[in-house]
Protein backbone atom coordinates (compact mmCIF):
# COMPACT_ATOMS: atom_id res chain seq x y z
CA UNK A 1 60.24 20.93 62.91
CA UNK A 2 58.29 19.93 66.03
CA UNK A 3 56.62 16.54 65.92
CA UNK A 4 53.07 16.78 64.60
CA UNK A 5 50.79 14.62 66.73
CA UNK A 6 47.26 15.85 65.96
CA UNK A 7 45.18 17.43 63.21
CA UNK A 8 45.26 20.71 65.11
CA UNK A 9 49.07 20.52 65.32
CA UNK A 10 49.19 19.97 61.55
CA UNK A 11 46.86 22.90 60.89
CA UNK A 12 48.89 25.16 63.23
CA UNK A 13 52.13 24.10 61.54
CA UNK A 14 50.78 24.71 58.02
CA UNK A 15 49.17 28.01 59.03
CA UNK A 16 52.57 29.19 60.27
CA UNK A 17 54.13 28.21 56.92
CA UNK A 18 51.38 30.06 55.01
CA UNK A 19 52.23 33.15 57.05
CA UNK A 20 55.93 32.67 56.26
CA UNK A 21 55.56 32.24 52.48
CA UNK A 22 52.37 34.19 51.61
CA UNK A 23 54.44 37.38 51.69
CA UNK A 24 55.43 39.99 49.06
CA UNK A 25 59.00 38.55 49.18
CA UNK A 26 57.56 35.45 47.49
CA UNK A 27 56.91 37.46 44.30
CA UNK A 28 60.63 38.10 43.68
CA UNK A 29 61.41 34.48 42.79
CA UNK A 30 58.02 33.35 41.46
CA UNK A 31 56.42 33.55 37.98
CA UNK A 32 53.55 35.54 39.55
CA UNK A 33 55.89 38.54 39.19
CA UNK A 34 54.96 38.73 35.48
CA UNK A 35 51.27 39.62 35.89
CA UNK A 36 52.37 41.94 38.72
CA UNK A 37 53.95 44.13 36.02
CA UNK A 38 50.44 45.28 35.04
CA UNK A 39 47.57 47.21 36.62
CA UNK A 40 44.72 46.71 34.10
CA UNK A 41 42.52 43.68 34.85
CA UNK A 42 42.69 42.19 31.33
CA UNK A 43 46.47 42.68 31.13
CA UNK A 44 46.91 40.96 34.51
CA UNK A 45 44.73 37.98 33.58
CA UNK A 46 46.24 37.47 30.11
CA UNK A 47 49.81 37.85 31.43
CA UNK A 48 48.91 35.44 34.25
CA UNK A 49 47.33 32.88 31.93
CA UNK A 50 50.25 32.86 29.48
CA UNK A 51 52.82 32.74 32.29
CA UNK A 52 51.00 29.88 34.01
CA UNK A 53 50.81 28.02 30.68
CA UNK A 54 54.60 27.79 30.46
CA UNK A 55 55.13 27.29 34.21
CA UNK A 56 56.95 24.01 34.19
CA UNK A 57 60.65 23.34 34.53
CA UNK A 58 63.25 25.76 35.91
CA UNK A 59 61.62 28.79 37.57
CA UNK A 60 64.27 31.22 36.29
CA UNK A 61 63.70 29.98 32.74
CA UNK A 62 59.91 30.30 33.18
CA UNK A 63 60.28 33.92 34.33
CA UNK A 64 62.72 34.81 31.51
CA UNK A 65 60.51 33.27 28.83
CA UNK A 66 57.31 34.78 30.23
CA UNK A 67 59.08 38.17 30.07
CA UNK A 68 59.92 37.43 26.42
CA UNK A 69 56.23 36.68 25.79
CA UNK A 70 55.26 40.07 27.22
CA UNK A 71 57.89 41.82 25.06
CA UNK A 72 56.52 40.10 21.96
CA UNK A 73 53.03 41.34 22.94
CA UNK A 74 54.42 44.92 23.13
CA UNK A 75 53.91 44.87 26.93
CA UNK A 76 50.19 45.44 26.22
CA UNK A 77 48.84 41.89 26.21
CA UNK A 78 45.13 42.78 26.06
CA UNK A 79 45.57 45.34 23.26
CA UNK A 80 47.70 42.88 21.29
CA UNK A 81 45.25 40.00 21.79
CA UNK A 82 42.20 42.00 20.71
CA UNK A 83 43.68 44.31 18.05
CA UNK A 84 46.54 42.42 16.34
CA UNK A 85 46.74 42.01 12.57
CA UNK A 86 47.66 38.70 10.96
CA UNK A 87 51.07 40.16 10.02
CA UNK A 88 51.83 40.90 13.72
CA UNK A 89 51.81 37.19 14.54
CA UNK A 90 54.96 36.35 12.56
CA UNK A 91 57.11 37.95 15.26
CA UNK A 92 55.90 35.30 17.72
CA UNK A 93 57.17 32.34 15.66
CA UNK A 94 60.73 32.17 17.12
CA UNK A 95 59.38 31.84 20.69
CA UNK A 96 60.03 28.55 22.47
CA UNK A 97 59.72 27.28 26.03
CA UNK A 98 60.34 23.55 26.24
CA UNK A 99 57.58 21.96 24.11
CA UNK A 100 55.56 25.21 23.81
CA UNK A 101 56.67 26.84 20.57
CA UNK A 102 55.86 29.87 18.43
CA UNK A 103 53.00 28.11 16.63
CA UNK A 104 51.44 27.30 20.00
CA UNK A 105 51.90 30.92 21.09
CA UNK A 106 50.12 32.18 17.95
CA UNK A 107 47.29 29.70 18.55
CA UNK A 108 46.95 30.93 22.14
CA UNK A 109 46.76 34.56 20.94
CA UNK A 110 44.02 33.64 18.45
CA UNK A 111 42.10 31.54 20.97
CA UNK A 112 42.34 34.27 23.61
CA UNK A 113 41.01 36.78 21.07
CA UNK A 114 38.07 34.40 20.52
CA UNK A 115 37.48 34.15 24.31
CA UNK A 116 37.38 37.95 24.70
CA UNK A 117 35.33 38.65 21.57
CA UNK A 118 32.81 35.81 21.82
CA UNK A 119 32.74 34.70 25.47
CA UNK A 120 33.11 37.99 27.36
CA UNK A 121 36.63 37.22 28.58
CA UNK A 122 38.49 34.70 30.72
CA UNK A 123 36.65 35.33 33.98
CA UNK A 124 33.22 34.92 32.38
CA UNK A 125 34.09 31.51 30.87
CA UNK A 126 35.30 30.06 34.16
CA UNK A 127 32.50 31.63 36.23
CA UNK A 128 29.75 30.42 33.90
CA UNK A 129 30.55 26.73 34.40
CA UNK A 130 31.93 26.65 37.96
CA UNK A 131 30.16 24.52 40.56
CA UNK A 132 29.58 25.65 44.14
CA UNK A 133 32.47 23.57 45.49
CA UNK A 134 34.71 23.13 42.43
CA UNK A 135 36.06 24.81 39.30
CA UNK A 136 37.32 21.59 37.71
CA UNK A 137 34.38 21.13 35.29
CA UNK A 138 34.74 24.80 34.35
CA UNK A 139 38.36 24.12 33.32
CA UNK A 140 37.09 21.35 31.01
CA UNK A 141 34.53 23.73 29.48
CA UNK A 142 37.15 26.46 29.14
CA UNK A 143 39.34 24.10 27.12
CA UNK A 144 36.38 23.31 24.86
CA UNK A 145 35.71 27.04 24.26
CA UNK A 146 39.41 27.80 23.81
CA UNK A 147 39.74 25.29 20.97
CA UNK A 148 36.33 25.68 19.28
CA UNK A 149 37.97 27.83 16.59
CA UNK A 150 40.27 26.31 13.94
CA UNK A 151 43.41 25.23 15.79
CA UNK A 152 46.54 23.13 15.66
CA UNK A 153 45.89 19.71 17.25
CA UNK A 154 49.37 19.81 18.84
CA UNK A 155 48.47 22.90 20.88
CA UNK A 156 45.64 21.16 22.76
CA UNK A 157 48.14 19.44 25.05
CA UNK A 158 49.05 22.82 26.57
CA UNK A 159 45.62 23.18 28.21
CA UNK A 160 44.89 20.44 30.75
CA UNK A 161 41.53 18.75 31.22
CA UNK A 162 40.53 17.56 34.72
CA UNK A 163 37.79 15.38 33.21
CA UNK A 164 40.61 13.41 31.55
CA UNK A 165 42.14 12.86 35.00
CA UNK A 166 44.66 15.72 34.86
CA UNK A 167 45.51 17.60 38.07
CA UNK A 168 45.62 20.73 35.82
CA UNK A 169 48.33 22.23 38.03
CA UNK A 170 49.07 25.27 35.88
CA UNK A 171 45.45 26.33 35.38
CA UNK A 172 44.68 25.82 39.07
CA UNK A 173 47.68 28.01 39.88
CA UNK A 174 46.42 30.69 37.47
CA UNK A 175 42.97 30.52 39.08
CA UNK A 176 44.54 30.92 42.53
CA UNK A 177 46.28 34.07 41.30
CA UNK A 178 43.06 35.55 39.88
CA UNK A 179 40.46 34.53 42.50
CA UNK A 180 42.12 34.22 45.91
CA UNK A 181 41.55 37.27 48.14
CA UNK A 182 45.02 37.91 49.50
CA UNK A 183 45.61 40.52 52.22
CA UNK A 184 49.37 40.23 51.59
CA UNK A 185 49.34 41.29 47.94
CA UNK A 186 50.69 38.12 46.32
CA UNK A 187 47.51 36.75 44.71
CA UNK A 188 45.37 39.32 42.87
CA UNK A 189 41.77 38.49 43.81
CA UNK A 190 40.46 40.46 40.81
CA UNK A 191 37.85 37.86 39.76
CA UNK A 192 34.90 38.65 42.01
CA UNK A 193 32.43 36.23 40.35
CA UNK A 194 34.30 33.23 41.79
CA UNK A 195 35.09 32.36 45.40
CA UNK A 196 38.39 31.12 46.90
CA UNK A 197 36.33 28.29 48.42
CA UNK A 198 35.85 26.85 44.89
CA UNK A 199 39.58 26.68 44.12
CA UNK A 200 41.80 23.60 43.95
CA UNK A 201 45.42 23.38 45.06
CA UNK A 202 48.01 23.47 42.24
CA UNK A 203 49.28 19.91 42.65
CA UNK A 204 52.80 19.21 41.39
CA UNK A 205 55.73 17.02 42.38
CA UNK A 206 56.76 19.32 45.27
CA UNK A 207 53.34 19.93 46.84
CA UNK A 208 52.39 16.28 46.25
CA UNK A 209 55.48 14.91 48.00
CA UNK A 210 55.06 17.23 50.99
CA UNK A 211 51.32 16.44 51.22
CA UNK A 212 52.12 12.70 51.31
CA UNK A 213 54.76 13.14 54.03
CA UNK A 214 52.24 15.09 56.12
CA UNK A 215 49.50 12.48 55.62
CA UNK A 216 47.26 14.79 53.57
CA UNK A 217 47.48 12.58 50.48
CA UNK A 218 47.77 8.84 49.99
CA UNK A 219 47.39 8.46 46.23
CA UNK A 220 50.77 8.07 44.51
CA UNK A 221 50.00 9.71 41.13
CA UNK A 222 49.57 13.48 40.85
CA UNK A 223 46.28 13.30 38.94
CA UNK A 224 42.68 14.54 39.27
CA UNK A 225 41.83 11.85 41.84
CA UNK A 226 44.82 12.88 43.99
CA UNK A 227 43.76 16.51 43.65
CA UNK A 228 40.28 15.72 44.96
CA UNK A 229 41.81 13.86 47.91
CA UNK A 230 44.15 16.76 48.71
CA UNK A 231 41.40 19.38 48.27
CA UNK A 232 39.16 17.45 50.67
CA UNK A 233 41.91 17.43 53.32
CA UNK A 234 42.71 21.14 52.87
CA UNK A 235 39.03 22.17 53.01
CA UNK A 236 38.78 20.52 56.42
CA UNK A 237 41.47 22.93 57.63
CA UNK A 238 40.07 26.05 55.95
CA UNK A 239 36.82 25.75 54.01
CA UNK A 240 36.79 29.37 52.83
CA UNK A 241 40.42 29.56 51.61
CA UNK A 242 41.81 26.02 51.16
CA UNK A 243 44.43 26.92 48.54
CA UNK A 244 46.29 29.24 50.89
CA UNK A 245 48.01 26.00 51.91
CA UNK A 246 49.65 25.90 48.48
CA UNK A 247 52.12 28.45 49.91
CA UNK A 248 52.93 26.09 52.78
CA UNK A 249 53.27 22.92 50.67
CA UNK A 250 55.26 24.70 47.95
CA UNK A 251 57.51 26.54 50.42
CA UNK A 252 58.24 23.37 52.39
CA UNK A 253 59.03 21.43 49.20
CA UNK A 254 60.99 24.00 47.17
CA UNK A 255 62.63 26.23 49.77
CA UNK A 256 63.07 23.81 52.66
CA UNK A 257 63.48 20.45 50.87
CA UNK A 258 60.99 18.99 53.34
C-alpha cells in the first residue's frame, strides 16, 4: 500500500478498495447471498433481516445456519411469517446459532408477523422514524415495535438499541443491504422511502480496527459513540453514499488482514 499523506489520498485509496470489493464476487462468501436467493421484496427483506440477526461468528457457519432458517420457513419466508399456524412453529424449536435458539426464532417469526400485520412491514417502521441524517433512532423505535407483543425477555438481546449505546452492527448491515443503491448488484436498494445518505456503517471488530489504523476513528470501543465518529468521517468523503466504505473497511480487515 502506498503511503497515505492527505485526506484526498485516503479517499482515493478507499474508493479504489470499494471498487475492488463492491463486486458480485463478494456475494459468494458473504451472508448477503441468502436474501439474493429471492426475488419478491418481502422475501428479500425477511431473509435479509433474519440472516443479519445471526451474522456474528464464523461466516461459513452464518451462511449454513441462515440457509437452515430458510428451509424451516419452507423457502417462502413472507408466506410463512404471515400465514403460519401455531402448530407450524414447533419445527423451528431445534434451530440454534450460538446464543440464538429455536425459542428466539419463534419469537422473531411472531414479531415479524406483528410488524407486517400492524405496522405495514419492515420498511414502513424504519422509514416512519428515520431522521434526515440518521436511522439510529428509527432502530430504537423498531425494537420497541418488534417487542410490543407478548415476548420472551431473553430474545430482546438479539435486537440492538443505539439509544443504549450499541453500534447495532447487524441492523445497520441489514439496512445497507435494503437501502443502498448499488450499481454492482450486491446491495438491493429496494427500500425507496429511505436514502443511502441516512445509513450508518456496520461497525465491528474488523472495520473498527481498520478505521483506527487509517485515522478515521479514535474511540477504542465499538459502540454508538464510535459509530457517530466513524459516520462523520465517512460522510466527509461521500455525503450521499457514506456506507459504501463498509466494503473497503471490511475487505481490508477480513481479506487483506490490514
